[in-house]
N, C-alpha and C. Protein backbone atom coordinates (compact mmCIF):
# COMPACT_ATOMS: atom_id res chain seq x y z
N MET A 1 -7.11 -0.27 23.62
CA MET A 1 -6.39 -0.27 22.56
C MET A 1 -5.17 -1.35 22.76
N SER A 2 -4.93 -1.80 21.89
CA SER A 2 -3.59 -2.91 21.96
C SER A 2 -2.40 -2.24 22.12
N ALA A 3 -1.39 -3.05 22.11
CA ALA A 3 0.28 -2.45 22.51
C ALA A 3 0.70 -2.32 20.89
N LEU A 4 0.00 -2.92 19.81
CA LEU A 4 0.77 -2.85 18.44
C LEU A 4 0.19 -1.38 18.18
N PHE A 5 -1.26 -1.58 18.15
CA PHE A 5 -1.61 -0.08 17.71
C PHE A 5 -1.37 1.37 18.39
N ASP A 6 -0.64 1.11 19.38
CA ASP A 6 -0.19 2.43 20.69
C ASP A 6 1.40 2.58 19.72
N GLN A 7 2.01 1.52 19.48
CA GLN A 7 3.31 1.73 18.88
C GLN A 7 3.18 2.33 17.55
N VAL A 8 1.93 1.42 16.66
CA VAL A 8 2.19 1.96 15.15
C VAL A 8 1.64 3.22 15.32
N THR A 9 0.98 3.76 16.01
CA THR A 9 0.29 5.19 16.27
C THR A 9 1.62 5.96 16.53
N ARG A 10 2.31 5.63 17.67
CA ARG A 10 3.30 6.54 18.00
C ARG A 10 4.06 6.73 16.99
N LEU A 11 4.68 5.78 16.39
CA LEU A 11 5.73 5.48 15.36
C LEU A 11 5.22 6.70 13.95
N PHE A 12 3.91 6.65 13.83
CA PHE A 12 3.40 7.06 12.55
C PHE A 12 3.31 8.41 12.95
N ARG A 13 2.92 8.92 13.98
CA ARG A 13 3.06 10.64 14.32
C ARG A 13 4.05 11.08 14.51
N GLU A 14 5.11 10.44 15.15
CA GLU A 14 6.33 10.67 14.95
C GLU A 14 7.19 10.81 13.85
N GLY A 15 6.67 10.39 12.71
CA GLY A 15 7.27 10.40 10.98
C GLY A 15 6.92 11.41 10.52
N HIS A 16 5.42 11.64 11.14
CA HIS A 16 4.96 12.64 10.31
C HIS A 16 5.10 14.21 11.00
N GLU A 17 5.55 14.33 12.40
CA GLU A 17 6.21 15.53 12.75
C GLU A 17 7.50 15.64 12.79
N THR A 18 8.53 14.98 12.34
CA THR A 18 9.62 15.37 12.01
C THR A 18 9.97 15.60 10.53
N ALA A 19 11.27 15.82 9.91
CA ALA A 19 11.22 16.18 8.82
C ALA A 19 10.84 15.60 8.05
N PRO A 20 9.96 15.73 6.75
CA PRO A 20 10.01 14.73 5.51
C PRO A 20 11.01 13.77 5.26
N PRO A 21 11.15 12.56 4.98
CA PRO A 21 11.82 11.39 4.68
C PRO A 21 12.16 11.69 3.12
N ALA A 22 13.13 11.53 2.31
CA ALA A 22 13.27 11.66 0.74
C ALA A 22 12.15 10.46 0.03
N LEU A 23 11.52 11.08 -0.50
CA LEU A 23 9.94 10.37 -1.02
C LEU A 23 10.46 9.93 -2.33
N TRP A 24 9.98 8.91 -2.60
CA TRP A 24 9.81 8.12 -3.96
C TRP A 24 8.88 8.80 -4.73
N LEU A 25 9.17 9.32 -5.83
CA LEU A 25 8.23 9.88 -7.06
C LEU A 25 8.21 9.30 -8.49
N ASP A 26 7.10 9.66 -8.71
CA ASP A 26 7.19 9.15 -10.36
C ASP A 26 7.18 10.37 -11.03
N PRO A 27 8.44 10.44 -12.25
CA PRO A 27 8.89 11.73 -13.00
C PRO A 27 7.99 11.95 -13.77
N ARG A 28 7.04 11.05 -13.95
CA ARG A 28 6.08 11.33 -15.14
C ARG A 28 4.73 12.19 -14.78
N ILE A 29 4.71 12.56 -13.34
CA ILE A 29 3.73 13.16 -12.61
C ILE A 29 3.55 14.73 -13.29
N ASP A 30 4.90 15.12 -13.84
CA ASP A 30 4.89 16.39 -14.15
C ASP A 30 4.16 16.70 -15.31
N GLU A 31 4.00 15.66 -16.35
CA GLU A 31 3.56 16.16 -17.60
C GLU A 31 1.43 15.49 -17.63
N ILE A 32 1.37 15.55 -16.39
CA ILE A 32 -0.02 15.36 -15.97
C ILE A 32 -0.38 16.48 -15.51
N GLU A 33 -1.59 16.74 -15.74
CA GLU A 33 -2.66 18.07 -15.53
C GLU A 33 -3.17 17.86 -14.54
N SER A 34 -4.23 16.55 -14.33
CA SER A 34 -5.14 16.30 -13.47
C SER A 34 -5.07 14.72 -13.28
N PHE A 35 -5.59 14.55 -11.62
CA PHE A 35 -5.60 13.27 -11.12
C PHE A 35 -6.84 12.70 -10.84
N VAL A 36 -7.11 11.49 -10.67
CA VAL A 36 -8.24 10.86 -10.37
C VAL A 36 -7.87 10.24 -8.98
N PRO A 37 -8.81 10.59 -8.13
CA PRO A 37 -8.27 10.60 -6.78
C PRO A 37 -8.51 8.89 -6.20
N ALA A 38 -7.83 8.52 -5.46
CA ALA A 38 -8.11 6.82 -5.42
C ALA A 38 -7.27 6.95 -3.97
N ALA A 39 -7.66 5.60 -3.08
CA ALA A 39 -6.92 5.24 -1.82
C ALA A 39 -6.72 3.46 -1.92
N VAL A 40 -5.70 3.32 -0.94
CA VAL A 40 -5.38 1.95 -0.47
C VAL A 40 -5.21 1.46 0.66
N LEU A 41 -5.62 0.48 1.22
CA LEU A 41 -5.75 0.30 2.48
C LEU A 41 -4.08 -0.35 2.72
N ILE A 42 -3.41 -0.26 3.55
CA ILE A 42 -1.84 -0.87 4.02
C ILE A 42 -2.85 -1.71 5.16
N ALA A 43 -2.85 -2.86 5.51
CA ALA A 43 -3.87 -3.63 6.59
C ALA A 43 -2.64 -4.25 7.07
N MET A 44 -2.30 -4.05 8.34
CA MET A 44 -1.14 -4.56 9.21
C MET A 44 -1.81 -5.65 9.99
N THR A 45 -1.68 -6.78 10.14
CA THR A 45 -1.83 -7.59 10.83
C THR A 45 -1.25 -7.72 12.43
N GLU A 46 -2.20 -7.86 13.55
CA GLU A 46 -1.79 -7.80 14.93
C GLU A 46 -1.44 -9.17 15.20
N ARG A 47 0.07 -9.22 15.32
CA ARG A 47 0.32 -10.71 15.20
C ARG A 47 1.86 -10.16 15.85
N GLU A 48 2.47 -11.18 16.61
CA GLU A 48 4.19 -10.89 17.23
C GLU A 48 4.91 -10.59 16.15
N ARG A 49 4.91 -11.24 15.13
CA ARG A 49 5.76 -10.56 14.14
C ARG A 49 4.48 -10.04 12.85
N PRO A 50 4.32 -8.35 13.07
CA PRO A 50 3.46 -8.33 12.10
C PRO A 50 3.25 -8.02 10.51
N GLY A 51 2.12 -8.28 9.94
CA GLY A 51 2.82 -8.60 8.01
C GLY A 51 1.50 -7.40 7.58
N PHE A 52 2.07 -7.43 6.45
CA PHE A 52 1.08 -6.71 6.00
C PHE A 52 -0.13 -7.43 4.71
N LEU A 53 -0.83 -7.22 4.37
CA LEU A 53 -1.71 -8.00 3.38
C LEU A 53 -1.42 -7.43 1.94
N PHE A 54 -0.99 -8.26 0.90
CA PHE A 54 -1.17 -7.87 -0.22
C PHE A 54 -2.00 -8.93 -0.83
N LEU A 55 -2.42 -8.07 -2.24
CA LEU A 55 -3.15 -9.26 -3.26
C LEU A 55 -2.68 -9.09 -4.92
N HIS A 56 -2.84 -10.35 -5.37
CA HIS A 56 -2.10 -9.99 -7.02
C HIS A 56 -3.70 -9.88 -7.73
N ARG A 57 -2.95 -9.10 -8.74
CA ARG A 57 -4.41 -8.49 -9.74
C ARG A 57 -4.44 -9.98 -10.59
N PRO A 58 -5.91 -10.20 -10.92
CA PRO A 58 -5.92 -11.70 -11.99
C PRO A 58 -5.00 -11.00 -13.50
N ALA A 59 -4.46 -11.74 -14.12
CA ALA A 59 -3.91 -11.72 -15.23
C ALA A 59 -5.10 -11.19 -16.47
N THR A 60 -6.45 -11.14 -16.15
CA THR A 60 -7.01 -11.03 -16.99
C THR A 60 -7.85 -9.57 -17.14
N MET A 61 -7.00 -8.47 -15.93
CA MET A 61 -7.36 -7.49 -15.93
C MET A 61 -6.94 -6.55 -17.02
N ARG A 62 -7.94 -5.56 -17.34
CA ARG A 62 -7.33 -4.68 -18.40
C ARG A 62 -6.29 -3.63 -17.94
N ALA A 63 -6.06 -3.34 -16.59
CA ALA A 63 -4.79 -2.35 -16.14
C ALA A 63 -4.29 -3.48 -14.86
N HIS A 64 -2.99 -2.87 -14.97
CA HIS A 64 -2.15 -3.57 -13.53
C HIS A 64 -2.48 -5.14 -13.53
N ALA A 65 -2.64 -5.99 -14.68
CA ALA A 65 -2.97 -7.26 -14.66
C ALA A 65 -1.45 -8.12 -13.98
N GLY A 66 -2.11 -8.68 -13.57
CA GLY A 66 -0.87 -9.49 -12.46
C GLY A 66 -0.15 -8.97 -11.66
N GLN A 67 -0.37 -7.72 -11.30
CA GLN A 67 0.65 -7.01 -10.25
C GLN A 67 0.36 -7.20 -8.88
N ILE A 68 1.26 -7.01 -8.00
CA ILE A 68 0.64 -7.00 -6.51
C ILE A 68 0.69 -5.69 -6.05
N ALA A 69 -0.28 -5.63 -5.26
CA ALA A 69 -0.99 -4.61 -5.09
C ALA A 69 -2.08 -4.15 -3.57
N PHE A 70 -2.09 -3.46 -2.74
CA PHE A 70 -2.79 -3.53 -1.64
C PHE A 70 -4.36 -3.01 -2.34
N PRO A 71 -5.35 -3.72 -1.47
CA PRO A 71 -6.62 -3.52 -1.66
C PRO A 71 -7.01 -2.00 -1.87
N GLY A 72 -7.70 -1.59 -2.78
CA GLY A 72 -7.97 -0.25 -3.53
C GLY A 72 -8.36 0.06 -4.55
N GLY A 73 -8.81 1.32 -4.42
CA GLY A 73 -9.29 1.96 -6.32
C GLY A 73 -9.53 3.21 -5.97
N ARG A 74 -10.86 3.74 -6.83
CA ARG A 74 -10.92 5.19 -7.15
C ARG A 74 -11.64 5.26 -6.00
N ILE A 75 -11.53 6.94 -5.55
CA ILE A 75 -12.78 7.23 -4.50
C ILE A 75 -13.97 7.66 -4.90
N ASP A 76 -14.97 7.52 -4.47
CA ASP A 76 -16.73 7.48 -5.15
C ASP A 76 -16.53 8.96 -4.70
N PRO A 77 -17.55 9.80 -5.08
CA PRO A 77 -18.11 11.28 -4.94
C PRO A 77 -18.45 11.41 -3.15
N GLY A 78 -17.91 12.06 -2.48
CA GLY A 78 -18.67 11.98 -1.27
C GLY A 78 -17.59 11.13 0.00
N GLU A 79 -16.98 10.74 -0.75
CA GLU A 79 -16.40 9.47 -0.28
C GLU A 79 -14.81 10.05 0.99
N THR A 80 -14.68 9.83 1.77
CA THR A 80 -13.17 10.49 2.50
C THR A 80 -11.96 9.22 1.84
N PRO A 81 -10.86 9.41 1.58
CA PRO A 81 -9.81 8.69 1.72
C PRO A 81 -9.89 7.27 2.32
N VAL A 82 -10.42 7.29 3.61
CA VAL A 82 -10.39 6.33 4.82
C VAL A 82 -11.47 5.74 4.30
N GLU A 83 -12.81 6.33 4.07
CA GLU A 83 -13.77 5.44 3.83
C GLU A 83 -13.77 4.47 2.21
N ALA A 84 -13.02 5.28 1.54
CA ALA A 84 -12.80 4.27 0.33
C ALA A 84 -11.97 3.13 0.36
N ALA A 85 -10.89 3.72 0.78
CA ALA A 85 -10.12 2.47 1.46
C ALA A 85 -10.57 1.11 1.80
N LEU A 86 -11.47 1.60 3.03
CA LEU A 86 -12.46 0.53 3.80
C LEU A 86 -13.10 -0.45 2.90
N ARG A 87 -13.86 0.48 1.87
CA ARG A 87 -14.73 0.04 1.19
C ARG A 87 -13.93 -0.93 0.18
N GLU A 88 -12.97 -0.59 -0.49
CA GLU A 88 -12.50 -1.31 -1.34
C GLU A 88 -11.62 -2.47 -0.96
N ALA A 89 -11.12 -2.70 0.57
CA ALA A 89 -10.90 -3.71 1.45
C ALA A 89 -12.08 -4.81 1.36
N TRP A 90 -13.09 -4.47 1.93
CA TRP A 90 -14.16 -5.24 2.02
C TRP A 90 -14.59 -5.46 0.39
N GLU A 91 -14.93 -4.94 -0.28
CA GLU A 91 -15.16 -5.43 -1.34
C GLU A 91 -14.37 -6.68 -2.35
N GLU A 92 -12.95 -6.60 -2.05
CA GLU A 92 -11.68 -7.07 -2.87
C GLU A 92 -11.55 -8.38 -1.63
N LEU A 93 -11.09 -8.40 -0.54
CA LEU A 93 -10.42 -9.18 0.43
C LEU A 93 -12.04 -9.54 1.63
N GLY A 94 -12.93 -9.07 1.26
CA GLY A 94 -14.01 -9.20 2.09
C GLY A 94 -13.47 -8.94 3.60
N ILE A 95 -12.58 -7.57 4.11
CA ILE A 95 -12.26 -7.25 5.16
C ILE A 95 -13.19 -6.35 5.59
N ARG A 96 -14.11 -6.56 6.61
CA ARG A 96 -15.12 -5.73 7.27
C ARG A 96 -14.37 -4.50 7.74
N PRO A 97 -15.05 -3.48 7.60
CA PRO A 97 -14.54 -2.08 8.08
C PRO A 97 -14.61 -2.14 9.70
N GLU A 98 -15.36 -2.36 10.13
CA GLU A 98 -15.26 -2.72 11.55
C GLU A 98 -14.27 -3.33 12.38
N ASP A 99 -13.66 -4.13 11.24
CA ASP A 99 -12.66 -5.03 11.73
C ASP A 99 -11.01 -4.63 11.57
N VAL A 100 -11.30 -2.88 10.99
CA VAL A 100 -9.73 -2.33 11.24
C VAL A 100 -10.08 -1.15 11.79
N ARG A 101 -8.70 -1.28 12.54
CA ARG A 101 -8.79 0.38 13.31
C ARG A 101 -7.47 1.23 12.75
N VAL A 102 -7.97 2.32 12.24
CA VAL A 102 -7.50 3.21 11.51
C VAL A 102 -6.50 3.86 12.19
N VAL A 103 -4.94 3.84 11.67
CA VAL A 103 -3.98 4.83 12.44
C VAL A 103 -4.00 6.01 11.67
N GLY A 104 -4.02 6.00 10.11
CA GLY A 104 -4.19 7.12 10.16
C GLY A 104 -3.84 7.21 8.44
N THR A 105 -3.87 8.23 7.87
CA THR A 105 -3.10 8.50 6.16
C THR A 105 -1.80 8.81 6.55
N THR A 106 -1.30 8.72 4.85
CA THR A 106 0.12 8.99 4.97
C THR A 106 0.43 9.37 3.34
N ASP A 107 1.88 9.50 3.10
CA ASP A 107 2.08 10.40 1.79
C ASP A 107 1.46 9.92 0.60
N MET A 108 0.39 11.08 0.08
CA MET A 108 0.02 10.73 -1.34
C MET A 108 1.19 10.45 -2.21
N TYR A 109 0.58 9.39 -3.06
CA TYR A 109 1.41 9.03 -4.33
C TYR A 109 0.81 9.46 -5.42
N ARG A 110 1.13 9.89 -6.47
CA ARG A 110 0.48 10.59 -7.67
C ARG A 110 1.68 9.22 -8.91
N THR A 111 0.58 8.81 -9.86
CA THR A 111 0.89 7.84 -10.70
C THR A 111 1.16 8.41 -12.16
N GLY A 112 2.24 7.44 -12.82
CA GLY A 112 2.19 8.10 -14.02
C GLY A 112 0.92 7.82 -14.97
N SER A 113 -0.34 6.86 -14.32
CA SER A 113 -1.45 6.65 -14.91
C SER A 113 -2.37 7.58 -14.28
N ALA A 114 -1.65 8.85 -13.97
CA ALA A 114 -2.95 9.75 -13.39
C ALA A 114 -3.75 9.70 -12.68
N TYR A 115 -3.44 8.75 -11.17
CA TYR A 115 -3.79 8.50 -10.18
C TYR A 115 -3.19 9.05 -8.71
N GLU A 116 -3.99 9.63 -8.42
CA GLU A 116 -3.85 10.41 -6.81
C GLU A 116 -4.09 9.50 -5.53
N ILE A 117 -3.03 8.38 -5.13
CA ILE A 117 -3.37 7.91 -4.25
C ILE A 117 -3.25 8.20 -2.87
N THR A 118 -3.95 7.80 -1.89
CA THR A 118 -3.58 8.12 -0.53
C THR A 118 -3.47 7.15 0.37
N PRO A 119 -2.42 6.63 0.78
CA PRO A 119 -2.40 5.29 1.52
C PRO A 119 -3.16 5.50 3.04
N VAL A 120 -3.92 4.27 3.40
CA VAL A 120 -4.35 4.28 4.50
C VAL A 120 -3.82 3.01 5.39
N LEU A 121 -3.29 3.79 6.41
CA LEU A 121 -2.71 2.53 7.89
C LEU A 121 -3.85 2.06 8.46
N GLY A 122 -4.10 0.62 8.63
CA GLY A 122 -4.88 0.21 9.73
C GLY A 122 -4.56 -1.16 10.05
N ILE A 123 -4.83 -1.49 11.48
CA ILE A 123 -4.55 -2.60 12.04
C ILE A 123 -5.65 -3.48 12.14
N VAL A 124 -5.64 -4.71 11.54
CA VAL A 124 -6.49 -5.73 11.76
C VAL A 124 -6.09 -7.22 12.46
N PRO A 125 -7.22 -7.50 12.94
CA PRO A 125 -6.68 -9.09 13.71
C PRO A 125 -6.24 -9.93 13.05
N PRO A 126 -5.27 -10.72 13.86
CA PRO A 126 -4.07 -11.84 13.18
C PRO A 126 -5.20 -12.81 12.26
N ASP A 127 -6.07 -13.02 12.96
CA ASP A 127 -7.03 -14.21 12.37
C ASP A 127 -8.16 -14.04 11.26
N ILE A 128 -8.23 -12.49 10.99
CA ILE A 128 -8.78 -12.05 10.12
C ILE A 128 -9.43 -12.92 8.99
N GLU A 129 -10.70 -13.46 8.69
CA GLU A 129 -11.27 -14.23 7.45
C GLU A 129 -10.99 -13.26 6.17
N ILE A 130 -10.28 -13.81 5.34
CA ILE A 130 -10.15 -12.95 3.92
C ILE A 130 -10.71 -13.78 2.86
N ARG A 131 -11.68 -13.43 2.39
CA ARG A 131 -12.64 -13.75 1.25
C ARG A 131 -12.18 -12.85 0.18
N PRO A 132 -11.16 -13.43 -0.79
CA PRO A 132 -11.24 -12.39 -1.88
C PRO A 132 -12.03 -12.67 -3.11
N ASN A 133 -12.35 -11.64 -3.94
CA ASN A 133 -13.31 -10.94 -4.62
C ASN A 133 -12.70 -12.06 -6.08
N PRO A 134 -12.94 -13.00 -6.63
CA PRO A 134 -12.14 -13.28 -7.83
C PRO A 134 -11.88 -12.69 -9.03
N ALA A 135 -13.09 -11.68 -8.98
CA ALA A 135 -13.06 -10.54 -10.26
C ALA A 135 -11.69 -9.84 -9.86
N GLU A 136 -11.42 -9.51 -8.68
CA GLU A 136 -10.27 -8.68 -8.69
C GLU A 136 -9.05 -8.85 -8.06
N VAL A 137 -8.86 -10.67 -7.05
CA VAL A 137 -8.32 -10.80 -7.06
C VAL A 137 -7.90 -12.42 -7.30
N SER A 138 -6.59 -12.66 -7.41
CA SER A 138 -6.47 -13.65 -8.01
C SER A 138 -5.92 -14.83 -6.95
N GLN A 139 -4.94 -13.81 -6.26
CA GLN A 139 -4.29 -14.56 -4.72
C GLN A 139 -4.23 -13.42 -3.88
N TRP A 140 -3.86 -13.88 -2.39
CA TRP A 140 -3.57 -12.89 -1.33
C TRP A 140 -2.11 -13.79 -0.78
N PHE A 141 -1.66 -12.82 -0.10
CA PHE A 141 -0.60 -13.04 0.88
C PHE A 141 -0.09 -12.03 1.61
N GLU A 142 0.39 -12.51 2.82
CA GLU A 142 0.97 -11.75 3.88
C GLU A 142 2.29 -11.51 4.12
N ALA A 143 3.10 -10.30 4.34
CA ALA A 143 4.36 -10.45 4.22
C ALA A 143 4.94 -9.52 5.67
N PRO A 144 6.12 -10.11 6.26
CA PRO A 144 6.19 -9.15 7.35
C PRO A 144 6.56 -7.95 7.15
N VAL A 145 6.24 -7.32 8.05
CA VAL A 145 6.38 -5.65 8.23
C VAL A 145 7.66 -5.33 8.40
N ASP A 146 8.54 -5.81 9.00
CA ASP A 146 10.21 -5.72 9.30
C ASP A 146 10.88 -6.04 7.71
N PHE A 147 10.48 -6.56 6.92
CA PHE A 147 11.00 -7.38 6.07
C PHE A 147 10.69 -6.76 4.77
N VAL A 148 9.51 -6.12 4.51
CA VAL A 148 9.11 -5.28 3.17
C VAL A 148 9.63 -3.75 3.77
N LEU A 149 10.00 -3.35 4.83
CA LEU A 149 10.18 -2.08 5.10
C LEU A 149 11.65 -1.77 5.58
N ASP A 150 12.33 -2.79 5.48
CA ASP A 150 13.60 -2.88 5.62
C ASP A 150 14.08 -2.26 3.87
N ARG A 151 15.06 -0.84 4.35
CA ARG A 151 15.31 -0.38 2.94
C ARG A 151 16.36 -1.55 2.29
N ALA A 152 16.90 -2.36 3.06
CA ALA A 152 17.96 -2.99 2.42
C ALA A 152 17.25 -4.10 1.25
N ASN A 153 16.08 -4.19 1.57
CA ASN A 153 15.15 -5.28 0.76
C ASN A 153 14.35 -4.61 -0.25
N GLN A 154 14.55 -3.14 -0.27
CA GLN A 154 13.65 -2.33 -1.14
C GLN A 154 14.86 -1.62 -2.53
N LEU A 155 14.84 -2.72 -3.58
CA LEU A 155 15.97 -2.74 -4.34
C LEU A 155 15.68 -1.67 -5.53
N GLU A 156 16.31 -1.10 -6.03
CA GLU A 156 15.74 0.07 -7.10
C GLU A 156 16.42 -0.60 -8.34
N LYS A 157 15.40 -0.75 -9.38
CA LYS A 157 15.41 -1.45 -10.36
C LYS A 157 15.21 -0.19 -11.68
N THR A 158 15.76 -0.76 -12.78
CA THR A 158 15.33 0.38 -13.86
C THR A 158 14.64 -0.93 -15.17
N ILE A 159 13.67 -0.17 -15.68
CA ILE A 159 13.13 -0.93 -16.57
C ILE A 159 12.73 0.12 -17.76
N GLU A 160 13.04 -0.46 -19.10
CA GLU A 160 12.44 0.42 -20.49
C GLU A 160 10.78 0.36 -20.92
N HIS A 161 10.01 1.15 -20.83
CA HIS A 161 8.66 0.93 -21.20
C HIS A 161 8.64 2.21 -22.14
N GLU A 162 8.09 2.24 -23.30
CA GLU A 162 7.03 2.85 -24.13
C GLU A 162 8.12 3.87 -24.10
N GLY A 163 9.78 3.28 -24.69
CA GLY A 163 10.79 4.32 -25.20
C GLY A 163 11.27 5.05 -23.99
N ARG A 164 11.05 4.95 -22.87
CA ARG A 164 11.56 5.65 -21.53
C ARG A 164 12.41 4.70 -20.60
N MET A 165 12.73 5.00 -20.05
CA MET A 165 13.93 4.57 -18.84
C MET A 165 13.05 4.68 -17.70
N HIS A 166 12.80 3.78 -16.82
CA HIS A 166 12.13 3.91 -15.34
C HIS A 166 12.39 3.29 -14.30
N THR A 167 12.55 3.90 -13.47
CA THR A 167 13.34 3.58 -12.20
C THR A 167 12.29 3.29 -11.09
N PHE A 168 12.07 2.05 -10.64
CA PHE A 168 11.21 1.82 -9.13
C PHE A 168 11.81 1.06 -8.29
N VAL A 169 11.25 0.62 -7.45
CA VAL A 169 11.17 0.15 -6.13
C VAL A 169 10.90 -1.68 -6.22
N GLU A 170 11.49 -2.65 -5.95
CA GLU A 170 10.94 -3.98 -6.08
C GLU A 170 11.68 -4.75 -4.86
N VAL A 171 10.62 -5.23 -4.30
CA VAL A 171 10.40 -5.85 -2.76
C VAL A 171 10.32 -7.38 -2.91
N ASP A 172 11.34 -8.45 -2.95
CA ASP A 172 10.68 -9.94 -3.30
C ASP A 172 10.92 -10.50 -2.00
N TRP A 173 9.31 -10.90 -1.62
CA TRP A 173 9.26 -11.65 -0.82
C TRP A 173 8.91 -13.06 -1.19
N ARG A 174 9.60 -13.91 -0.82
CA ARG A 174 9.31 -15.26 -1.42
C ARG A 174 8.85 -15.73 -2.63
N GLY A 175 9.21 -14.94 -3.40
CA GLY A 175 8.90 -14.79 -5.07
C GLY A 175 8.13 -14.07 -5.41
N HIS A 176 7.16 -13.45 -4.23
CA HIS A 176 6.09 -12.31 -4.81
C HIS A 176 6.77 -11.18 -5.13
N GLN A 177 6.91 -10.60 -6.03
CA GLN A 177 7.64 -9.46 -6.62
C GLN A 177 6.82 -8.20 -6.34
N ILE A 178 6.94 -7.53 -5.59
CA ILE A 178 6.38 -6.18 -4.91
C ILE A 178 7.06 -4.90 -5.60
N TRP A 179 6.30 -4.40 -6.78
CA TRP A 179 7.12 -3.26 -7.21
C TRP A 179 6.10 -2.06 -7.92
N GLY A 180 6.29 -1.33 -8.57
CA GLY A 180 5.44 -0.08 -9.22
C GLY A 180 4.91 0.50 -7.98
N VAL A 181 3.65 0.95 -7.88
CA VAL A 181 2.93 2.26 -6.98
C VAL A 181 3.40 0.98 -5.63
N THR A 182 2.86 0.18 -5.47
CA THR A 182 2.72 -0.74 -4.29
C THR A 182 4.76 -0.07 -3.57
N GLY A 183 5.54 -0.76 -4.40
CA GLY A 183 6.93 -0.51 -3.89
C GLY A 183 7.05 0.42 -3.82
N ALA A 184 6.70 1.73 -4.21
CA ALA A 184 6.89 3.13 -3.99
C ALA A 184 6.13 3.60 -2.51
N ILE A 185 5.09 3.08 -2.49
CA ILE A 185 4.44 3.43 -1.28
C ILE A 185 4.75 2.92 -0.12
N LEU A 186 5.66 1.44 -0.24
CA LEU A 186 6.24 0.78 0.77
C LEU A 186 7.69 1.90 1.29
N HIS A 187 8.35 1.99 -0.02
CA HIS A 187 9.38 2.87 0.47
C HIS A 187 9.07 4.17 1.09
N ASN A 188 8.18 5.11 0.50
CA ASN A 188 7.79 6.10 1.53
C ASN A 188 7.11 5.60 2.72
N LEU A 189 6.52 4.44 3.09
CA LEU A 189 6.04 4.34 4.05
C LEU A 189 7.36 4.05 5.21
N ALA A 190 8.43 3.54 4.73
CA ALA A 190 9.40 3.37 5.75
C ALA A 190 10.29 4.41 6.15
N GLY A 191 9.71 5.55 5.58
CA GLY A 191 10.27 6.72 6.02
C GLY A 191 9.87 7.42 6.98
N ARG A 192 8.20 7.11 7.05
CA ARG A 192 7.50 7.57 7.87
C ARG A 192 7.45 6.59 9.16
N LEU A 193 7.52 5.46 9.06
CA LEU A 193 6.94 4.40 10.42
C LEU A 193 8.59 4.18 11.19
N ARG A 194 9.43 3.82 10.16
CA ARG A 194 10.92 3.51 10.69
C ARG A 194 10.66 2.49 11.69
N TRP A 195 9.91 1.31 10.74
CA TRP A 195 9.97 0.12 11.77
C TRP A 195 11.32 -0.69 11.97
N HIS A 196 11.36 -1.15 13.50
CA HIS A 196 12.18 -2.04 14.05
C HIS A 196 11.64 -2.99 14.48
N GLY A 197 10.40 -3.33 14.45
CA GLY A 197 9.92 -4.58 14.89
C GLY A 197 9.24 -4.61 16.51
């Protein structure tokens, strides 16, 4: 095991053993009766300054067009959240499941679009080959863990949508605006991981 894997695993376990942090929730979930299970892979690169891998959805997609996300999607029948997250990372970014050392699953996030997302945290090699699927990924990038998990960089913003005001978390990394579900997952993970670099 690597020093980074050991460090992240320790912080992850400590964060889940202590009192839960204040989690970011979507207020619309109270109006939803059933949710579709989904999972995402939070891939952390094993380098001196670790980063997270993100992707941009193509502008042509019917749902979440142009948004920044972690690789992920619906959980197929018979799959665990970990299996689904690894499969989606392979399908979307070409990350082989055997190249991911899974730390664990963290706080489930329910969306206003009726998805129940389980984030899976894993460590990947720093020189991992990324082969994005153009049907699902327009571009990908890596942002430093210490930056995106810093609550000072997780700005609270408000937008009007369908006649209602919605508050969300946004992180801006070099013009990449990470918000919505991905911003909420980062906010929740910051409470669990308490990353200090």
